[in-house]
């Protein structure tokens, strides 16, 4: 008798579909992380140059900047390719054309840098 309510709660919990945290798409969070990486990396790199001097290509500050650029570029490329090749009806009407591809305006800005 004690296990019945728990079993009922677990069954209902497992059968429910997960609710989104908010109405914000997942790629917006990734672009936010990428932008933060670039901003933090730039501040760190400027500080590094002021205290240590010239540095190499492989410093930690540069790695953070590269990570942000790669994240933003890859996510934007995924969005553009998805809209160009897989969302034929919806994508062609709602996107911006550049380089023969169709994609969101923000993705184009991220790709251009």
N, C-alpha and C. Protein backbone atom coordinates (compact mmCIF):
# COMPACT_ATOMS: atom_id res chain seq x y z
N UNK A 1 0.82 -1.20 0.00
CA UNK A 1 0.00 0.00 0.00
C UNK A 1 0.86 1.26 0.00
N UNK A 2 1.99 1.20 0.68
CA UNK A 2 2.85 2.38 0.74
C UNK A 2 3.51 2.64 -0.61
N UNK A 3 3.86 1.58 -1.36
CA UNK A 3 4.55 1.74 -2.63
C UNK A 3 3.65 2.18 -3.77
N UNK A 4 2.34 2.08 -3.62
CA UNK A 4 1.44 2.42 -4.71
C UNK A 4 1.51 3.90 -5.10
N UNK A 5 1.44 4.85 -4.18
CA UNK A 5 1.54 6.26 -4.59
C UNK A 5 2.88 6.57 -5.25
N UNK A 6 3.96 5.97 -4.73
CA UNK A 6 5.27 6.22 -5.32
C UNK A 6 5.34 5.66 -6.74
N UNK A 7 4.80 4.47 -6.95
CA UNK A 7 4.78 3.86 -8.27
C UNK A 7 3.95 4.72 -9.23
N UNK A 8 2.83 5.23 -8.77
CA UNK A 8 1.97 6.07 -9.59
C UNK A 8 2.70 7.37 -9.97
N UNK A 9 3.39 7.97 -8.99
CA UNK A 9 4.12 9.21 -9.26
C UNK A 9 5.25 8.97 -10.26
N UNK A 10 5.99 7.87 -10.10
CA UNK A 10 7.09 7.58 -11.01
C UNK A 10 6.58 7.29 -12.42
N UNK A 11 5.47 6.57 -12.53
CA UNK A 11 4.91 6.27 -13.85
C UNK A 11 4.48 7.56 -14.54
N UNK A 12 3.81 8.43 -13.81
CA UNK A 12 3.39 9.71 -14.39
C UNK A 12 4.59 10.57 -14.75
N UNK A 13 5.61 10.56 -13.91
CA UNK A 13 6.80 11.36 -14.16
C UNK A 13 7.52 10.86 -15.41
N UNK A 14 7.66 9.56 -15.55
CA UNK A 14 8.39 9.01 -16.69
C UNK A 14 7.63 9.14 -18.00
N UNK A 15 6.31 9.22 -17.95
CA UNK A 15 5.52 9.34 -19.17
C UNK A 15 5.36 10.78 -19.66
N UNK A 16 5.75 11.74 -18.85
CA UNK A 16 5.61 13.13 -19.25
C UNK A 16 6.74 13.53 -20.19
N UNK A 17 6.44 14.42 -21.09
CA UNK A 17 7.46 14.97 -21.97
C UNK A 17 8.14 16.13 -21.25
N UNK A 18 9.44 16.29 -21.44
CA UNK A 18 10.12 17.39 -20.76
C UNK A 18 9.64 18.74 -21.28
N UNK A 19 9.44 19.65 -20.37
CA UNK A 19 9.03 20.99 -20.73
C UNK A 19 10.27 21.83 -21.01
N UNK A 20 10.22 22.71 -22.00
CA UNK A 20 11.38 23.56 -22.24
C UNK A 20 11.57 24.53 -21.07
N UNK A 21 12.82 24.87 -20.82
CA UNK A 21 13.13 25.79 -19.73
C UNK A 21 12.51 27.16 -20.01
N UNK A 22 12.63 27.60 -21.23
CA UNK A 22 12.02 28.87 -21.62
C UNK A 22 11.74 28.80 -23.12
N UNK A 23 11.26 29.87 -23.65
CA UNK A 23 10.97 29.91 -25.08
C UNK A 23 12.19 30.23 -25.93
N UNK A 24 13.36 30.34 -25.31
CA UNK A 24 14.58 30.69 -26.03
C UNK A 24 15.17 29.43 -26.66
N UNK A 25 15.48 29.44 -27.95
CA UNK A 25 16.06 28.26 -28.59
C UNK A 25 17.44 27.93 -28.03
N UNK A 26 17.82 26.66 -28.16
CA UNK A 26 19.08 26.18 -27.58
C UNK A 26 20.30 26.87 -28.18
N UNK A 27 20.24 27.20 -29.46
CA UNK A 27 21.43 27.77 -30.09
C UNK A 27 21.72 29.18 -29.59
N UNK A 28 20.73 29.85 -29.05
CA UNK A 28 20.98 31.17 -28.46
C UNK A 28 21.89 31.07 -27.25
N UNK A 29 21.71 30.02 -26.47
CA UNK A 29 22.58 29.80 -25.32
C UNK A 29 24.01 29.51 -25.76
N UNK A 30 24.17 28.74 -26.83
CA UNK A 30 25.51 28.42 -27.33
C UNK A 30 26.19 29.68 -27.86
N UNK A 31 25.46 30.52 -28.58
CA UNK A 31 26.02 31.77 -29.09
C UNK A 31 26.38 32.69 -27.93
N UNK A 32 25.59 32.69 -26.88
CA UNK A 32 25.91 33.49 -25.69
C UNK A 32 27.20 33.00 -25.05
N UNK A 33 27.38 31.69 -24.95
CA UNK A 33 28.62 31.14 -24.40
C UNK A 33 29.80 31.50 -25.29
N UNK A 34 29.61 31.41 -26.61
CA UNK A 34 30.68 31.76 -27.55
C UNK A 34 31.07 33.23 -27.41
N UNK A 35 30.09 34.11 -27.31
CA UNK A 35 30.36 35.54 -27.16
C UNK A 35 31.08 35.82 -25.85
N UNK A 36 30.68 35.13 -24.80
CA UNK A 36 31.34 35.30 -23.50
C UNK A 36 32.78 34.83 -23.58
N UNK A 37 33.03 33.71 -24.25
CA UNK A 37 34.40 33.22 -24.41
C UNK A 37 35.26 34.26 -25.13
N UNK A 38 34.73 34.85 -26.18
CA UNK A 38 35.50 35.84 -26.93
C UNK A 38 35.78 37.07 -26.07
N UNK A 39 34.77 37.56 -25.35
CA UNK A 39 34.96 38.75 -24.52
C UNK A 39 35.96 38.50 -23.40
N UNK A 40 35.82 37.37 -22.72
CA UNK A 40 36.75 37.04 -21.62
C UNK A 40 38.15 36.82 -22.17
N UNK A 41 38.25 36.12 -23.30
CA UNK A 41 39.55 35.87 -23.91
C UNK A 41 40.25 37.16 -24.33
N UNK A 42 39.50 38.11 -24.88
CA UNK A 42 40.10 39.38 -25.27
C UNK A 42 40.61 40.16 -24.06
N UNK A 43 39.82 40.21 -23.01
CA UNK A 43 40.27 40.90 -21.79
C UNK A 43 41.52 40.24 -21.21
N UNK A 44 41.49 38.92 -21.19
CA UNK A 44 42.62 38.15 -20.67
C UNK A 44 43.86 38.38 -21.54
N UNK A 45 43.68 38.40 -22.86
CA UNK A 45 44.81 38.59 -23.77
C UNK A 45 45.41 39.99 -23.63
N UNK A 46 44.57 41.00 -23.49
CA UNK A 46 45.08 42.36 -23.29
C UNK A 46 45.85 42.44 -21.99
N UNK A 47 45.32 41.85 -20.94
CA UNK A 47 46.02 41.83 -19.65
C UNK A 47 47.34 41.09 -19.77
N UNK A 48 47.34 39.99 -20.51
CA UNK A 48 48.55 39.19 -20.70
C UNK A 48 49.62 40.03 -21.42
N UNK A 49 49.21 40.76 -22.46
CA UNK A 49 50.16 41.58 -23.21
C UNK A 49 50.71 42.71 -22.35
N UNK A 50 49.89 43.26 -21.47
CA UNK A 50 50.36 44.37 -20.63
C UNK A 50 51.31 43.90 -19.54
N UNK A 51 51.12 42.69 -19.03
CA UNK A 51 51.97 42.22 -17.93
C UNK A 51 53.17 41.40 -18.42
N UNK A 52 52.97 40.52 -19.38
CA UNK A 52 54.03 39.61 -19.81
C UNK A 52 54.69 40.09 -21.10
N UNK A 53 53.94 40.66 -21.99
CA UNK A 53 54.48 41.10 -23.27
C UNK A 53 53.97 40.24 -24.41
N UNK A 54 54.74 40.20 -25.48
CA UNK A 54 54.35 39.42 -26.65
C UNK A 54 54.24 37.95 -26.28
N UNK A 55 53.32 37.29 -26.95
CA UNK A 55 53.10 35.88 -26.63
C UNK A 55 52.94 35.08 -27.92
N UNK A 56 52.78 33.78 -27.75
CA UNK A 56 52.67 32.90 -28.90
C UNK A 56 51.20 32.69 -29.29
N UNK A 57 51.03 31.90 -30.30
CA UNK A 57 49.70 31.55 -30.81
C UNK A 57 48.93 30.67 -29.84
N UNK A 58 49.63 29.94 -28.98
CA UNK A 58 49.03 28.88 -28.17
C UNK A 58 48.80 29.27 -26.71
N UNK A 59 48.71 30.53 -26.38
CA UNK A 59 48.47 30.92 -24.99
C UNK A 59 47.03 30.59 -24.59
N UNK A 60 46.77 30.41 -23.30
CA UNK A 60 45.41 30.09 -22.86
C UNK A 60 44.38 31.16 -23.26
N UNK A 61 44.77 32.41 -23.24
CA UNK A 61 43.84 33.47 -23.63
C UNK A 61 43.43 33.33 -25.09
N UNK A 62 44.39 32.99 -25.94
CA UNK A 62 44.06 32.79 -27.35
C UNK A 62 43.17 31.57 -27.54
N UNK A 63 43.39 30.53 -26.76
CA UNK A 63 42.57 29.32 -26.87
C UNK A 63 41.10 29.61 -26.55
N UNK A 64 40.87 30.48 -25.56
CA UNK A 64 39.50 30.84 -25.20
C UNK A 64 38.85 31.63 -26.34
N UNK A 65 39.62 32.53 -26.95
CA UNK A 65 39.10 33.29 -28.09
C UNK A 65 38.78 32.35 -29.26
N UNK A 66 39.69 31.41 -29.54
CA UNK A 66 39.45 30.46 -30.63
C UNK A 66 38.22 29.59 -30.35
N UNK A 67 38.06 29.17 -29.10
CA UNK A 67 36.90 28.36 -28.73
C UNK A 67 35.60 29.12 -29.02
N UNK A 68 35.56 30.39 -28.64
CA UNK A 68 34.37 31.20 -28.91
C UNK A 68 34.09 31.35 -30.39
N UNK A 69 35.14 31.56 -31.18
CA UNK A 69 34.96 31.69 -32.62
C UNK A 69 34.48 30.40 -33.27
N UNK A 70 35.05 29.29 -32.83
CA UNK A 70 34.65 28.00 -33.39
C UNK A 70 33.22 27.66 -33.01
N UNK A 71 32.85 27.88 -31.75
CA UNK A 71 31.47 27.61 -31.32
C UNK A 71 30.47 28.44 -32.11
N UNK A 72 30.71 29.73 -32.18
CA UNK A 72 29.79 30.61 -32.90
C UNK A 72 29.71 30.28 -34.38
N UNK A 73 30.85 30.00 -34.99
CA UNK A 73 30.86 29.68 -36.42
C UNK A 73 30.18 28.37 -36.74
N UNK A 74 30.45 27.34 -35.93
CA UNK A 74 29.83 26.03 -36.18
C UNK A 74 28.32 26.06 -36.00
N UNK A 75 27.87 26.68 -34.93
CA UNK A 75 26.42 26.74 -34.68
C UNK A 75 25.74 27.54 -35.79
N UNK A 76 26.35 28.64 -36.20
CA UNK A 76 25.76 29.44 -37.28
C UNK A 76 25.74 28.67 -38.59
N UNK A 77 26.81 27.93 -38.88
CA UNK A 77 26.85 27.13 -40.10
C UNK A 77 25.77 26.04 -40.07
N UNK A 78 25.59 25.42 -38.92
CA UNK A 78 24.55 24.40 -38.78
C UNK A 78 23.17 25.00 -39.05
N UNK A 79 22.91 26.18 -38.50
CA UNK A 79 21.62 26.83 -38.72
C UNK A 79 21.41 27.18 -40.19
N UNK A 80 22.45 27.69 -40.83
CA UNK A 80 22.32 28.08 -42.24
C UNK A 80 22.11 26.85 -43.12
N UNK A 81 22.90 25.79 -42.90
CA UNK A 81 22.74 24.58 -43.71
C UNK A 81 21.38 23.93 -43.48
N UNK A 82 20.92 23.95 -42.24
CA UNK A 82 19.61 23.38 -41.93
C UNK A 82 18.51 24.15 -42.65
N UNK A 83 18.59 25.47 -42.60
CA UNK A 83 17.55 26.28 -43.24
C UNK A 83 17.63 26.18 -44.77
N UNK A 84 18.83 26.07 -45.31
CA UNK A 84 18.99 26.01 -46.77
C UNK A 84 18.55 24.68 -47.34
N UNK A 85 18.98 23.58 -46.72
CA UNK A 85 18.78 22.27 -47.33
C UNK A 85 17.60 21.48 -46.78
N UNK A 86 17.17 21.76 -45.56
CA UNK A 86 16.14 20.93 -44.94
C UNK A 86 14.82 21.64 -44.71
N UNK A 87 14.82 22.95 -44.58
CA UNK A 87 13.58 23.71 -44.37
C UNK A 87 13.22 24.45 -45.66
N UNK A 88 12.96 23.73 -46.71
CA UNK A 88 12.76 24.35 -48.02
C UNK A 88 11.62 25.37 -48.02
N UNK A 89 10.46 24.99 -47.55
CA UNK A 89 9.31 25.90 -47.61
C UNK A 89 9.44 27.03 -46.62
N UNK A 90 9.76 26.68 -45.39
CA UNK A 90 9.80 27.68 -44.34
C UNK A 90 11.06 28.54 -44.44
N UNK A 91 12.18 27.93 -44.75
CA UNK A 91 13.45 28.64 -44.74
C UNK A 91 13.60 29.67 -45.83
N UNK A 92 13.13 29.36 -47.02
CA UNK A 92 13.31 30.28 -48.13
C UNK A 92 12.52 31.58 -47.94
N UNK A 93 11.44 31.52 -47.21
CA UNK A 93 10.62 32.71 -47.02
C UNK A 93 11.05 33.54 -45.81
N UNK A 94 11.66 32.91 -44.82
CA UNK A 94 11.94 33.64 -43.59
C UNK A 94 13.41 33.97 -43.41
N UNK A 95 14.28 33.50 -44.27
CA UNK A 95 15.71 33.72 -44.09
C UNK A 95 16.26 34.84 -44.96
N UNK A 96 17.53 35.11 -44.74
CA UNK A 96 18.26 36.10 -45.51
C UNK A 96 19.24 35.35 -46.40
N UNK A 97 19.31 35.73 -47.67
CA UNK A 97 20.20 35.04 -48.61
C UNK A 97 21.60 35.66 -48.55
N UNK A 98 22.61 34.81 -48.43
CA UNK A 98 24.00 35.24 -48.55
C UNK A 98 24.83 34.05 -49.01
N UNK A 99 25.76 34.33 -49.93
CA UNK A 99 26.63 33.31 -50.52
C UNK A 99 25.85 32.16 -51.15
N UNK A 100 24.65 32.39 -51.59
CA UNK A 100 23.83 31.33 -52.18
C UNK A 100 23.10 30.48 -51.15
N UNK A 101 23.30 30.75 -49.88
CA UNK A 101 22.62 30.03 -48.81
C UNK A 101 21.54 30.92 -48.22
N UNK A 102 20.63 30.30 -47.50
CA UNK A 102 19.59 31.04 -46.80
C UNK A 102 19.70 30.73 -45.32
N UNK A 103 19.68 31.77 -44.50
CA UNK A 103 19.80 31.55 -43.06
C UNK A 103 19.32 32.74 -42.27
N UNK A 104 19.28 32.58 -40.96
CA UNK A 104 18.90 33.71 -40.11
C UNK A 104 19.92 34.84 -40.22
N UNK A 105 19.47 36.06 -40.08
CA UNK A 105 20.36 37.22 -40.15
C UNK A 105 21.45 37.13 -39.10
N UNK A 106 21.10 36.72 -37.90
CA UNK A 106 22.09 36.62 -36.82
C UNK A 106 23.17 35.60 -37.14
N UNK A 107 22.81 34.51 -37.80
CA UNK A 107 23.81 33.52 -38.19
C UNK A 107 24.76 34.10 -39.22
N UNK A 108 24.25 34.90 -40.13
CA UNK A 108 25.11 35.56 -41.10
C UNK A 108 26.09 36.51 -40.44
N UNK A 109 25.63 37.24 -39.44
CA UNK A 109 26.50 38.15 -38.70
C UNK A 109 27.59 37.35 -37.97
N UNK A 110 27.22 36.24 -37.35
CA UNK A 110 28.20 35.42 -36.64
C UNK A 110 29.22 34.81 -37.60
N UNK A 111 28.78 34.40 -38.78
CA UNK A 111 29.71 33.82 -39.74
C UNK A 111 30.68 34.87 -40.26
N UNK A 112 30.18 36.06 -40.54
CA UNK A 112 31.05 37.12 -41.02
C UNK A 112 32.01 37.60 -39.94
N UNK A 113 31.62 37.46 -38.68
CA UNK A 113 32.50 37.87 -37.58
C UNK A 113 32.27 39.28 -37.26
